[in-house]
Amino acid sequence: MDSEFLAELAAEAADDRKARDTQLIKVSEVSTLADWIIVTEGLSDVQVRAIISSIENKLKEKANRLPLRKEGLSDAKWALLDYGELIVNVLQPQQREYYGLEAFWSHGESRSFISSKK
């Protein structure tokens, strides 16, 4: 399965749970860590968990993929799903500002996810 398609599925799943400001960053040209990194935002621990759950469910259903590793779900200030070629970061606003992942990965090709839903 194409890693870009996997990233798009994850972004759609995040959007299903009203994630804010979802950024897809292609890092395959600048890192061996992954092909894509997604950075998105949930406003509370409940929403962060809902976004993570939505992504896990959609990728399992549509791509038959399970994360290799999950982090941060107990506190849900910053949660991470690692699918190998795709790493998903769901942060609350304060953590997103503090860690500045978009700036850290600024040498990758970045684009905003635009929802097709009205």
PDB file of N, CA and C in Angstrom:
ATOM      1  N   MET A   1       0.837  -1.178   0.000  1.00  0.00           N
ATOM      2  CA  MET A   1       0.000   0.000   0.000  1.00  0.00           C
ATOM      3  C   MET A   1       0.880   1.239   0.000  1.00  0.00           C
ATOM      4  N   ASP A   2       0.491   2.216  -0.761  1.00  0.00           N
ATOM      5  CA  ASP A   2       1.201   3.467  -0.891  1.00  0.00           C
ATOM      6  C   ASP A   2       1.160   4.247   0.435  1.00  0.00           C
ATOM      7  N   SER A   3       2.313   4.729   0.879  1.00  0.00           N
ATOM      8  CA  SER A   3       2.376   5.433   2.167  1.00  0.00           C
ATOM      9  C   SER A   3       1.601   6.751   2.140  1.00  0.00           C
ATOM     10  N   GLU A   4       1.521   7.407   0.993  1.00  0.00           N
ATOM     11  CA  GLU A   4       0.745   8.637   0.904  1.00  0.00           C
ATOM     12  C   GLU A   4      -0.747   8.354   1.096  1.00  0.00           C
ATOM     13  N   PHE A   5      -1.221   7.249   0.515  1.00  0.00           N
ATOM     14  CA  PHE A   5      -2.615   6.850   0.694  1.00  0.00           C
ATOM     15  C   PHE A   5      -2.896   6.564   2.170  1.00  0.00           C
ATOM     16  N   LEU A   6      -1.960   5.906   2.849  1.00  0.00           N
ATOM     17  CA  LEU A   6      -2.102   5.626   4.283  1.00  0.00           C
ATOM     18  C   LEU A   6      -2.180   6.928   5.075  1.00  0.00           C
ATOM     19  N   ALA A   7      -1.355   7.894   4.725  1.00  0.00           N
ATOM     20  CA  ALA A   7      -1.372   9.198   5.401  1.00  0.00           C
ATOM     21  C   ALA A   7      -2.708   9.905   5.169  1.00  0.00           C
ATOM     22  N   GLU A   8      -3.217   9.843   3.951  1.00  0.00           N
ATOM     23  CA  GLU A   8      -4.515  10.456   3.643  1.00  0.00           C
ATOM     24  C   GLU A   8      -5.641   9.791   4.437  1.00  0.00           C
ATOM     25  N   LEU A   9      -5.615   8.466   4.537  1.00  0.00           N
ATOM     26  CA  LEU A   9      -6.626   7.749   5.340  1.00  0.00           C
ATOM     27  C   LEU A   9      -6.585   8.204   6.790  1.00  0.00           C
ATOM     28  N   ALA A  10      -5.379   8.320   7.339  1.00  0.00           N
ATOM     29  CA  ALA A  10      -5.232   8.749   8.733  1.00  0.00           C
ATOM     30  C   ALA A  10      -5.748  10.176   8.916  1.00  0.00           C
ATOM     31  N   ALA A  11      -5.454  11.052   7.969  1.00  0.00           N
ATOM     32  CA  ALA A  11      -5.924  12.443   8.053  1.00  0.00           C
ATOM     33  C   ALA A  11      -7.447  12.504   7.975  1.00  0.00           C
ATOM     34  N   GLU A  12      -8.045  11.696   7.106  1.00  0.00           N
ATOM     35  CA  GLU A  12      -9.506  11.638   7.015  1.00  0.00           C
ATOM     36  C   GLU A  12     -10.119  11.152   8.327  1.00  0.00           C
ATOM     37  N   ALA A  13      -9.499  10.138   8.922  1.00  0.00           N
ATOM     38  CA  ALA A  13     -10.001   9.601  10.189  1.00  0.00           C
ATOM     39  C   ALA A  13      -9.904  10.647  11.301  1.00  0.00           C
ATOM     40  N   ALA A  14      -8.824  11.422  11.311  1.00  0.00           N
ATOM     41  CA  ALA A  14      -8.680  12.499  12.291  1.00  0.00           C
ATOM     42  C   ALA A  14      -9.766  13.550  12.064  1.00  0.00           C
ATOM     43  N   ASP A  15     -10.009  13.866  10.810  1.00  0.00           N
ATOM     44  CA  ASP A  15     -11.036  14.841  10.458  1.00  0.00           C
ATOM     45  C   ASP A  15     -12.425  14.367  10.906  1.00  0.00           C
ATOM     46  N   ASP A  16     -12.655  13.066  10.855  1.00  0.00           N
ATOM     47  CA  ASP A  16     -13.935  12.503  11.309  1.00  0.00           C
ATOM     48  C   ASP A  16     -14.218  12.835  12.771  1.00  0.00           C
ATOM     49  N   ARG A  17     -13.177  13.086  13.547  1.00  0.00           N
ATOM     50  CA  ARG A  17     -13.318  13.413  14.969  1.00  0.00           C
ATOM     51  C   ARG A  17     -12.974  14.871  15.241  1.00  0.00           C
ATOM     52  N   LYS A  18     -13.104  15.698  14.208  1.00  0.00           N
ATOM     53  CA  LYS A  18     -12.941  17.151  14.318  1.00  0.00           C
ATOM     54  C   LYS A  18     -11.544  17.590  14.749  1.00  0.00           C
ATOM     55  N   ALA A  19     -10.520  16.856  14.318  1.00  0.00           N
ATOM     56  CA  ALA A  19      -9.150  17.290  14.575  1.00  0.00           C
ATOM     57  C   ALA A  19      -8.919  18.636  13.890  1.00  0.00           C
ATOM     58  N   ARG A  20      -8.056  19.435  14.494  1.00  0.00           N
ATOM     59  CA  ARG A  20      -7.796  20.779  13.968  1.00  0.00           C
ATOM     60  C   ARG A  20      -6.419  20.849  13.317  1.00  0.00           C
ATOM     61  N   ASP A  21      -6.337  21.646  12.247  1.00  0.00           N
ATOM     62  CA  ASP A  21      -5.073  21.996  11.605  1.00  0.00           C
ATOM     63  C   ASP A  21      -4.181  20.779  11.354  1.00  0.00           C
ATOM     64  N   THR A  22      -4.684  19.841  10.595  1.00  0.00           N
ATOM     65  CA  THR A  22      -3.930  18.629  10.286  1.00  0.00           C
ATOM     66  C   THR A  22      -2.909  18.916   9.194  1.00  0.00           C
ATOM     67  N   GLN A  23      -1.654  18.616   9.500  1.00  0.00           N
ATOM     68  CA  GLN A  23      -0.548  18.809   8.565  1.00  0.00           C
ATOM     69  C   GLN A  23       0.030  17.448   8.180  1.00  0.00           C
ATOM     70  N   LEU A  24       0.191  17.231   6.877  1.00  0.00           N
ATOM     71  CA  LEU A  24       0.843  16.035   6.360  1.00  0.00           C
ATOM     72  C   LEU A  24       2.226  16.457   5.887  1.00  0.00           C
ATOM     73  N   ILE A  25       3.242  15.817   6.415  1.00  0.00           N
ATOM     74  CA  ILE A  25       4.615  16.206   6.098  1.00  0.00           C
ATOM     75  C   ILE A  25       5.328  15.002   5.490  1.00  0.00           C
ATOM     76  N   LYS A  26       5.741  15.155   4.250  1.00  0.00           N
ATOM     77  CA  LYS A  26       6.481  14.097   3.558  1.00  0.00           C
ATOM     78  C   LYS A  26       7.946  14.219   3.939  1.00  0.00           C
ATOM     79  N   VAL A  27       8.461  13.205   4.617  1.00  0.00           N
ATOM     80  CA  VAL A  27       9.834  13.258   5.103  1.00  0.00           C
ATOM     81  C   VAL A  27      10.723  12.185   4.479  1.00  0.00           C
ATOM     82  N   SER A  28      10.188  11.440   3.518  1.00  0.00           N
ATOM     83  CA  SER A  28      10.940  10.327   2.916  1.00  0.00           C
ATOM     84  C   SER A  28      12.236  10.784   2.249  1.00  0.00           C
ATOM     85  N   GLU A  29      12.282  12.031   1.779  1.00  0.00           N
ATOM     86  CA  GLU A  29      13.481  12.543   1.113  1.00  0.00           C
ATOM     87  C   GLU A  29      14.538  13.038   2.099  1.00  0.00           C
ATOM     88  N   VAL A  30      14.140  13.249   3.355  1.00  0.00           N
ATOM     89  CA  VAL A  30      15.057  13.855   4.324  1.00  0.00           C
ATOM     90  C   VAL A  30      15.287  12.999   5.571  1.00  0.00           C
ATOM     91  N   SER A  31      14.623  11.844   5.662  1.00  0.00           N
ATOM     92  CA  SER A  31      14.744  11.012   6.851  1.00  0.00           C
ATOM     93  C   SER A  31      14.455   9.553   6.512  1.00  0.00           C
ATOM     94  N   THR A  32      15.071   8.667   7.259  1.00  0.00           N
ATOM     95  CA  THR A  32      14.766   7.240   7.123  1.00  0.00           C
ATOM     96  C   THR A  32      13.780   6.791   8.200  1.00  0.00           C
ATOM     97  N   LEU A  33      13.376   7.717   9.051  1.00  0.00           N
ATOM     98  CA  LEU A  33      12.452   7.414  10.148  1.00  0.00           C
ATOM     99  C   LEU A  33      11.087   6.970   9.634  1.00  0.00           C
ATOM    100  N   ALA A  34      10.570   7.658   8.611  1.00  0.00           N
ATOM    101  CA  ALA A  34       9.249   7.375   8.059  1.00  0.00           C
ATOM    102  C   ALA A  34       9.151   8.056   6.703  1.00  0.00           C
ATOM    103  N   ASP A  35       8.073   7.754   5.977  1.00  0.00           N
ATOM    104  CA  ASP A  35       7.796   8.464   4.724  1.00  0.00           C
ATOM    105  C   ASP A  35       6.965   9.716   4.989  1.00  0.00           C
ATOM    106  N   TRP A  36       6.012   9.590   5.917  1.00  0.00           N
ATOM    107  CA  TRP A  36       5.080  10.676   6.227  1.00  0.00           C
ATOM    108  C   TRP A  36       4.952  10.847   7.731  1.00  0.00           C
ATOM    109  N   ILE A  37       4.771  12.090   8.145  1.00  0.00           N
ATOM    110  CA  ILE A  37       4.458  12.417   9.532  1.00  0.00           C
ATOM    111  C   ILE A  37       3.208  13.285   9.498  1.00  0.00           C
ATOM    112  N   ILE A  38       2.256  12.939  10.339  1.00  0.00           N
ATOM    113  CA  ILE A  38       1.051  13.748  10.478  1.00  0.00           C
ATOM    114  C   ILE A  38       1.099  14.420  11.837  1.00  0.00           C
ATOM    115  N   VAL A  39       0.782  15.699  11.849  1.00  0.00           N
ATOM    116  CA  VAL A  39       0.663  16.463  13.083  1.00  0.00           C
ATOM    117  C   VAL A  39      -0.733  17.072  13.079  1.00  0.00           C
ATOM    118  N   THR A  40      -1.494  16.782  14.125  1.00  0.00           N
ATOM    119  CA  THR A  40      -2.835  17.329  14.227  1.00  0.00           C
ATOM    120  C   THR A  40      -3.149  17.618  15.685  1.00  0.00           C
ATOM    121  N   GLU A  41      -4.313  18.211  15.916  1.00  0.00           N
ATOM    122  CA  GLU A  41      -4.620  18.750  17.240  1.00  0.00           C
ATOM    123  C   GLU A  41      -6.012  18.349  17.711  1.00  0.00           C
ATOM    124  N   GLY A  42      -6.067  17.965  18.987  1.00  0.00           N
ATOM    125  CA  GLY A  42      -7.333  17.763  19.686  1.00  0.00           C
ATOM    126  C   GLY A  42      -7.372  18.696  20.880  1.00  0.00           C
ATOM    127  N   LEU A  43      -8.550  19.170  21.232  1.00  0.00           N
ATOM    128  CA  LEU A  43      -8.659  20.204  22.266  1.00  0.00           C
ATOM    129  C   LEU A  43      -8.701  19.667  23.694  1.00  0.00           C
ATOM    130  N   SER A  44      -8.845  18.364  23.861  1.00  0.00           N
ATOM    131  CA  SER A  44      -8.906  17.777  25.209  1.00  0.00           C
ATOM    132  C   SER A  44      -8.361  16.355  25.152  1.00  0.00           C
ATOM    133  N   ASP A  45      -8.122  15.775  26.330  1.00  0.00           N
ATOM    134  CA  ASP A  45      -7.651  14.388  26.354  1.00  0.00           C
ATOM    135  C   ASP A  45      -8.684  13.440  25.747  1.00  0.00           C
ATOM    136  N   VAL A  46      -9.961  13.728  25.950  1.00  0.00           N
ATOM    137  CA  VAL A  46     -11.022  12.903  25.376  1.00  0.00           C
ATOM    138  C   VAL A  46     -10.971  12.978  23.849  1.00  0.00           C
ATOM    139  N   GLN A  47     -10.810  14.176  23.300  1.00  0.00           N
ATOM    140  CA  GLN A  47     -10.765  14.308  21.845  1.00  0.00           C
ATOM    141  C   GLN A  47      -9.494  13.681  21.272  1.00  0.00           C
ATOM    142  N   VAL A  48      -8.370  13.839  21.936  1.00  0.00           N
ATOM    143  CA  VAL A  48      -7.124  13.218  21.464  1.00  0.00           C
ATOM    144  C   VAL A  48      -7.314  11.706  21.378  1.00  0.00           C
ATOM    145  N   ARG A  49      -7.893  11.104  22.415  1.00  0.00           N
ATOM    146  CA  ARG A  49      -8.132   9.650  22.388  1.00  0.00           C
ATOM    147  C   ARG A  49      -9.107   9.263  21.281  1.00  0.00           C
ATOM    148  N   ALA A  50     -10.140  10.071  21.064  1.00  0.00           N
ATOM    149  CA  ALA A  50     -11.121   9.783  20.014  1.00  0.00           C
ATOM    150  C   ALA A  50     -10.464   9.853  18.632  1.00  0.00           C
ATOM    151  N   ILE A  51      -9.596  10.809  18.424  1.00  0.00           N
ATOM    152  CA  ILE A  51      -8.889  10.944  17.145  1.00  0.00           C
ATOM    153  C   ILE A  51      -7.998   9.731  16.920  1.00  0.00           C
ATOM    154  N   ILE A  52      -7.240   9.360  17.933  1.00  0.00           N
ATOM    155  CA  ILE A  52      -6.353   8.192  17.838  1.00  0.00           C
ATOM    156  C   ILE A  52      -7.163   6.934  17.531  1.00  0.00           C
ATOM    157  N   SER A  53      -8.259   6.747  18.245  1.00  0.00           N
ATOM    158  CA  SER A  53      -9.119   5.576  18.026  1.00  0.00           C
ATOM    159  C   SER A  53      -9.681   5.553  16.610  1.00  0.00           C
ATOM    160  N   SER A  54     -10.110   6.694  16.118  1.00  0.00           N
ATOM    161  CA  SER A  54     -10.652   6.792  14.761  1.00  0.00           C
ATOM    162  C   SER A  54      -9.594   6.409  13.723  1.00  0.00           C
ATOM    163  N   ILE A  55      -8.374   6.886  13.924  1.00  0.00           N
ATOM    164  CA  ILE A  55      -7.290   6.558  12.997  1.00  0.00           C
ATOM    165  C   ILE A  55      -6.984   5.070  13.034  1.00  0.00           C
ATOM    166  N   GLU A  56      -6.859   4.521  14.230  1.00  0.00           N
ATOM    167  CA  GLU A  56      -6.586   3.089  14.349  1.00  0.00           C
ATOM    168  C   GLU A  56      -7.660   2.253  13.655  1.00  0.00           C
ATOM    169  N   ASN A  57      -8.914   2.597  13.903  1.00  0.00           N
ATOM    170  CA  ASN A  57     -10.021   1.836  13.319  1.00  0.00           C
ATOM    171  C   ASN A  57     -10.047   1.933  11.800  1.00  0.00           C
ATOM    172  N   LYS A  58      -9.851   3.128  11.267  1.00  0.00           N
ATOM    173  CA  LYS A  58      -9.919   3.319   9.815  1.00  0.00           C
ATOM    174  C   LYS A  58      -8.769   2.611   9.115  1.00  0.00           C
ATOM    175  N   LEU A  59      -7.566   2.706   9.676  1.00  0.00           N
ATOM    176  CA  LEU A  59      -6.429   2.050   9.037  1.00  0.00           C
ATOM    177  C   LEU A  59      -6.522   0.528   9.132  1.00  0.00           C
ATOM    178  N   LYS A  60      -7.115   0.036  10.210  1.00  0.00           N
ATOM    179  CA  LYS A  60      -7.333  -1.412  10.320  1.00  0.00           C
ATOM    180  C   LYS A  60      -8.377  -1.870   9.298  1.00  0.00           C
ATOM    181  N   GLU A  61      -9.466  -1.114   9.201  1.00  0.00           N
ATOM    182  CA  GLU A  61     -10.568  -1.486   8.310  1.00  0.00           C
ATOM    183  C   GLU A  61     -10.214  -1.327   6.835  1.00  0.00           C
ATOM    184  N   LYS A  62      -9.645  -0.184   6.462  1.00  0.00           N
ATOM    185  CA  LYS A  62      -9.408   0.130   5.049  1.00  0.00           C
ATOM    186  C   LYS A  62      -8.058  -0.363   4.517  1.00  0.00           C
ATOM    187  N   ALA A  63      -7.072  -0.520   5.410  1.00  0.00           N
ATOM    188  CA  ALA A  63      -5.730  -0.876   4.957  1.00  0.00           C
ATOM    189  C   ALA A  63      -5.186  -2.128   5.633  1.00  0.00           C
ATOM    190  N   ASN A  64      -5.975  -2.721   6.535  1.00  0.00           N
ATOM    191  CA  ASN A  64      -5.548  -3.904   7.280  1.00  0.00           C
ATOM    192  C   ASN A  64      -4.204  -3.674   7.983  1.00  0.00           C
ATOM    193  N   ARG A  65      -4.076  -2.493   8.592  1.00  0.00           N
ATOM    194  CA  ARG A  65      -2.836  -2.123   9.272  1.00  0.00           C
ATOM    195  C   ARG A  65      -3.093  -1.816  10.735  1.00  0.00           C
ATOM    196  N   LEU A  66      -2.188  -2.271  11.572  1.00  0.00           N
ATOM    197  CA  LEU A  66      -2.191  -1.969  13.002  1.00  0.00           C
ATOM    198  C   LEU A  66      -0.914  -1.205  13.319  1.00  0.00           C
ATOM    199  N   PRO A  67      -0.949  -0.316  14.299  1.00  0.00           N
ATOM    200  CA  PRO A  67       0.277   0.413  14.635  1.00  0.00           C
ATOM    201  C   PRO A  67       1.331  -0.526  15.219  1.00  0.00           C
ATOM    202  N   LEU A  68       2.587  -0.232  14.908  1.00  0.00           N
ATOM    203  CA  LEU A  68       3.701  -0.984  15.482  1.00  0.00           C
ATOM    204  C   LEU A  68       3.918  -0.584  16.929  1.00  0.00           C
ATOM    205  N   ARG A  69       3.566   0.673  17.212  1.00  0.00           N
ATOM    206  CA  ARG A  69       3.770   1.215  18.561  1.00  0.00           C
ATOM    207  C   ARG A  69       2.779   2.329  18.802  1.00  0.00           C
ATOM    208  N   LYS A  70       2.351   2.443  20.059  1.00  0.00           N
ATOM    209  CA  LYS A  70       1.454   3.528  20.490  1.00  0.00           C
ATOM    210  C   LYS A  70       2.050   4.132  21.749  1.00  0.00           C
ATOM    211  N   GLU A  71       1.967   5.444  21.841  1.00  0.00           N
ATOM    212  CA  GLU A  71       2.490   6.147  23.014  1.00  0.00           C
ATOM    213  C   GLU A  71       1.532   7.252  23.426  1.00  0.00           C
ATOM    214  N   GLY A  72       1.527   7.570  24.718  1.00  0.00           N
ATOM    215  CA  GLY A  72       0.864   8.759  25.227  1.00  0.00           C
ATOM    216  C   GLY A  72      -0.632   8.688  25.434  1.00  0.00           C
ATOM    217  N   LEU A  73      -1.235   7.522  25.315  1.00  0.00           N
ATOM    218  CA  LEU A  73      -2.690   7.443  25.425  1.00  0.00           C
ATOM    219  C   LEU A  73      -3.201   7.620  26.851  1.00  0.00           C
ATOM    220  N   SER A  74      -2.403   7.293  27.843  1.00  0.00           N
ATOM    221  CA  SER A  74      -2.886   7.408  29.220  1.00  0.00           C
ATOM    222  C   SER A  74      -3.103   8.873  29.615  1.00  0.00           C
ATOM    223  N   ASP A  75      -2.176   9.736  29.268  1.00  0.00           N
ATOM    224  CA  ASP A  75      -2.298  11.154  29.595  1.00  0.00           C
ATOM    225  C   ASP A  75      -3.023  11.922  28.491  1.00  0.00           C
ATOM    226  N   ALA A  76      -2.800  11.516  27.251  1.00  0.00           N
ATOM    227  CA  ALA A  76      -3.453  12.073  26.053  1.00  0.00           C
ATOM    228  C   ALA A  76      -3.229  13.575  25.873  1.00  0.00           C
ATOM    229  N   LYS A  77      -2.089  14.062  26.306  1.00  0.00           N
ATOM    230  CA  LYS A  77      -1.689  15.428  25.976  1.00  0.00           C
ATOM    231  C   LYS A  77      -0.997  15.420  24.610  1.00  0.00           C
ATOM    232  N   TRP A  78      -0.279  14.336  24.345  1.00  0.00           N
ATOM    233  CA  TRP A  78       0.369  14.096  23.067  1.00  0.00           C
ATOM    234  C   TRP A  78       0.366  12.587  22.862  1.00  0.00           C
ATOM    235  N   ALA A  79      -0.328  12.129  21.850  1.00  0.00           N
ATOM    236  CA  ALA A  79      -0.385  10.698  21.558  1.00  0.00           C
ATOM    237  C   ALA A  79       0.259  10.446  20.197  1.00  0.00           C
ATOM    238  N   LEU A  80       0.834   9.267  20.059  1.00  0.00           N
ATOM    239  CA  LEU A  80       1.566   8.920  18.852  1.00  0.00           C
ATOM    240  C   LEU A  80       1.188   7.525  18.399  1.00  0.00           C
ATOM    241  N   LEU A  81       0.999   7.362  17.097  1.00  0.00           N
ATOM    242  CA  LEU A  81       0.839   6.050  16.467  1.00  0.00           C
ATOM    243  C   LEU A  81       1.963   5.891  15.457  1.00  0.00           C
ATOM    244  N   ASP A  82       2.690   4.785  15.541  1.00  0.00           N
ATOM    245  CA  ASP A  82       3.800   4.517  14.625  1.00  0.00           C
ATOM    246  C   ASP A  82       3.421   3.335  13.741  1.00  0.00           C
ATOM    247  N   TYR A  83       3.270   3.602  12.454  1.00  0.00           N
ATOM    248  CA  TYR A  83       2.949   2.559  11.479  1.00  0.00           C
ATOM    249  C   TYR A  83       4.160   2.210  10.614  1.00  0.00           C
ATOM    250  N   GLY A  84       5.341   2.613  11.014  1.00  0.00           N
ATOM    251  CA  GLY A  84       6.531   2.375  10.203  1.00  0.00           C
ATOM    252  C   GLY A  84       6.734   3.507   9.221  1.00  0.00           C
ATOM    253  N   GLU A  85       6.055   3.438   8.075  1.00  0.00           N
ATOM    254  CA  GLU A  85       6.195   4.481   7.061  1.00  0.00           C
ATOM    255  C   GLU A  85       5.367   5.722   7.368  1.00  0.00           C
ATOM    256  N   LEU A  86       4.526   5.651   8.384  1.00  0.00           N
ATOM    257  CA  LEU A  86       3.680   6.767   8.801  1.00  0.00           C
ATOM    258  C   LEU A  86       3.729   6.913  10.315  1.00  0.00           C
ATOM    259  N   ILE A  87       3.970   8.134  10.771  1.00  0.00           N
ATOM    260  CA  ILE A  87       3.918   8.433  12.204  1.00  0.00           C
ATOM    261  C   ILE A  87       2.874   9.524  12.403  1.00  0.00           C
ATOM    262  N   VAL A  88       1.915   9.257  13.282  1.00  0.00           N
ATOM    263  CA  VAL A  88       0.824  10.185  13.556  1.00  0.00           C
ATOM    264  C   VAL A  88       1.018  10.775  14.943  1.00  0.00           C
ATOM    265  N   ASN A  89       1.009  12.100  15.035  1.00  0.00           N
ATOM    266  CA  ASN A  89       1.104  12.822  16.302  1.00  0.00           C
ATOM    267  C   ASN A  89      -0.190  13.599  16.512  1.00  0.00           C
ATOM    268  N   VAL A  90      -0.857  13.354  17.627  1.00  0.00           N
ATOM    269  CA  VAL A  90      -2.067  14.100  17.976  1.00  0.00           C
ATOM    270  C   VAL A  90      -1.773  14.805  19.293  1.00  0.00           C
ATOM    271  N   LEU A  91      -1.778  16.124  19.253  1.00  0.00           N
ATOM    272  CA  LEU A  91      -1.386  16.911  20.413  1.00  0.00           C
ATOM    273  C   LEU A  91      -2.486  17.876  20.816  1.00  0.00           C
ATOM    274  N   GLN A  92      -2.493  18.219  22.094  1.00  0.00           N
ATOM    275  CA  GLN A  92      -3.327  19.317  22.540  1.00  0.00           C
ATOM    276  C   GLN A  92      -2.582  20.616  22.198  1.00  0.00           C
ATOM    277  N   PRO A  93      -3.302  21.742  22.088  1.00  0.00           N
ATOM    278  CA  PRO A  93      -2.693  22.995  21.610  1.00  0.00           C
ATOM    279  C   PRO A  93      -1.408  23.412  22.341  1.00  0.00           C
ATOM    280  N   GLN A  94      -1.399  23.319  23.652  1.00  0.00           N
ATOM    281  CA  GLN A  94      -0.213  23.758  24.411  1.00  0.00           C
ATOM    282  C   GLN A  94       1.010  22.904  24.069  1.00  0.00           C
ATOM    283  N   GLN A  95       0.814  21.591  23.947  1.00  0.00           N
ATOM    284  CA  GLN A  95       1.928  20.700  23.614  1.00  0.00           C
ATOM    285  C   GLN A  95       2.385  20.918  22.166  1.00  0.00           C
ATOM    286  N   ARG A  96       1.424  21.166  21.292  1.00  0.00           N
ATOM    287  CA  ARG A  96       1.785  21.398  19.889  1.00  0.00           C
ATOM    288  C   ARG A  96       2.670  22.640  19.767  1.00  0.00           C
ATOM    289  N   GLU A  97       2.288  23.682  20.464  1.00  0.00           N
ATOM    290  CA  GLU A  97       3.089  24.912  20.426  1.00  0.00           C
ATOM    291  C   GLU A  97       4.467  24.680  21.058  1.00  0.00           C
ATOM    292  N   TYR A  98       4.502  23.993  22.176  1.00  0.00           N
ATOM    293  CA  TYR A  98       5.750  23.762  22.898  1.00  0.00           C
ATOM    294  C   TYR A  98       6.754  22.940  22.072  1.00  0.00           C
ATOM    295  N   TYR A  99       6.289  21.835  21.491  1.00  0.00           N
ATOM    296  CA  TYR A  99       7.202  20.933  20.780  1.00  0.00           C
ATOM    297  C   TYR A  99       7.525  21.395  19.362  1.00  0.00           C
ATOM    298  N   GLY A 100       6.652  22.134  18.724  1.00  0.00           N
ATOM    299  CA  GLY A 100       6.937  22.690  17.409  1.00  0.00           C
ATOM    300  C   GLY A 100       7.365  21.664  16.370  1.00  0.00           C
ATOM    301  N   LEU A 101       6.616  20.583  16.267  1.00  0.00           N
ATOM    302  CA  LEU A 101       6.999  19.516  15.337  1.00  0.00           C
ATOM    303  C   LEU A 101       7.033  19.978  13.882  1.00  0.00           C
ATOM    304  N   GLU A 102       6.129  20.866  13.505  1.00  0.00           N
ATOM    305  CA  GLU A 102       6.143  21.351  12.128  1.00  0.00           C
ATOM    306  C   GLU A 102       7.450  22.083  11.827  1.00  0.00           C
ATOM    307  N   ALA A 103       7.949  22.845  12.774  1.00  0.00           N
ATOM    308  CA  ALA A 103       9.228  23.538  12.583  1.00  0.00           C
ATOM    309  C   ALA A 103      10.377  22.529  12.537  1.00  0.00           C
ATOM    310  N   PHE A 104      10.307  21.522  13.386  1.00  0.00           N
ATOM    311  CA  PHE A 104      11.357  20.497  13.410  1.00  0.00           C
ATOM    312  C   PHE A 104      11.446  19.777  12.069  1.00  0.00           C
ATOM    313  N   TRP A 105      10.292  19.504  11.466  1.00  0.00           N
ATOM    314  CA  TRP A 105      10.243  18.790  10.182  1.00  0.00           C
ATOM    315  C   TRP A 105      10.080  19.746   9.005  1.00  0.00           C
ATOM    316  N   SER A 106      10.461  20.997   9.156  1.00  0.00           N
ATOM    317  CA  SER A 106      10.251  21.994   8.105  1.00  0.00           C
ATOM    318  C   SER A 106      11.042  21.702   6.830  1.00  0.00           C
ATOM    319  N   HIS A 107      12.046  20.869   6.906  1.00  0.00           N
ATOM    320  CA  HIS A 107      12.808  20.514   5.706  1.00  0.00           C
ATOM    321  C   HIS A 107      12.077  19.455   4.875  1.00  0.00           C
ATOM    322  N   GLY A 108      10.979  18.920   5.409  1.00  0.00           N
ATOM    323  CA  GLY A 108      10.125  18.020   4.632  1.00  0.00           C
ATOM    324  C   GLY A 108       9.095  18.817   3.848  1.00  0.00           C
ATOM    325  N   GLU A 109       8.410  18.142   2.952  1.00  0.00           N
ATOM    326  CA  GLU A 109       7.365  18.777   2.132  1.00  0.00           C
ATOM    327  C   GLU A 109       6.053  18.724   2.904  1.00  0.00           C
ATOM    328  N   SER A 110       5.514  19.883   3.271  1.00  0.00           N
ATOM    329  CA  SER A 110       4.335  19.959   4.143  1.00  0.00           C
ATOM    330  C   SER A 110       3.122  20.494   3.395  1.00  0.00           C
ATOM    331  N   ARG A 111       1.956  19.939   3.758  1.00  0.00           N
ATOM    332  CA  ARG A 111       0.703  20.458   3.227  1.00  0.00           C
ATOM    333  C   ARG A 111      -0.401  20.251   4.258  1.00  0.00           C
ATOM    334  N   SER A 112      -1.356  21.149   4.218  1.00  0.00           N
ATOM    335  CA  SER A 112      -2.505  21.046   5.110  1.00  0.00           C
ATOM    336  C   SER A 112      -3.507  20.063   4.543  1.00  0.00           C
ATOM    337  N   PHE A 113      -4.184  19.336   5.419  1.00  0.00           N
ATOM    338  CA  PHE A 113      -5.274  18.461   4.993  1.00  0.00           C
ATOM    339  C   PHE A 113      -6.515  19.313   4.844  1.00  0.00           C
ATOM    340  N   ILE A 114      -7.142  19.212   3.694  1.00  0.00           N
ATOM    341  CA  ILE A 114      -8.382  19.925   3.423  1.00  0.00           C
ATOM    342  C   ILE A 114      -9.513  18.919   3.420  1.00  0.00           C
ATOM    343  N   SER A 115     -10.440  19.089   4.321  1.00  0.00           N
ATOM    344  CA  SER A 115     -11.573  18.168   4.445  1.00  0.00           C
ATOM    345  C   SER A 115     -12.490  18.301   3.235  1.00  0.00           C
ATOM    346  N   SER A 116     -12.974  17.172   2.756  1.00  0.00           N
ATOM    347  CA  SER A 116     -13.941  17.187   1.663  1.00  0.00           C
ATOM    348  C   SER A 116     -15.368  17.300   2.194  1.00  0.00           C
ATOM    349  N   LYS A 117     -15.508  17.288   3.522  1.00  0.00           N
ATOM    350  CA  LYS A 117     -16.821  17.403   4.155  1.00  0.00           C
ATOM    351  C   LYS A 117     -17.207  18.865   4.290  1.00  0.00           C
ATOM    352  N   LYS A 118     -18.473  19.139   4.173  1.00  0.00           N
ATOM    353  CA  LYS A 118     -18.968  20.516   4.331  1.00  0.00           C
ATOM    354  C   LYS A 118     -19.544  20.697   5.708  1.00  0.00           C
TER     355      LYS A 118
END
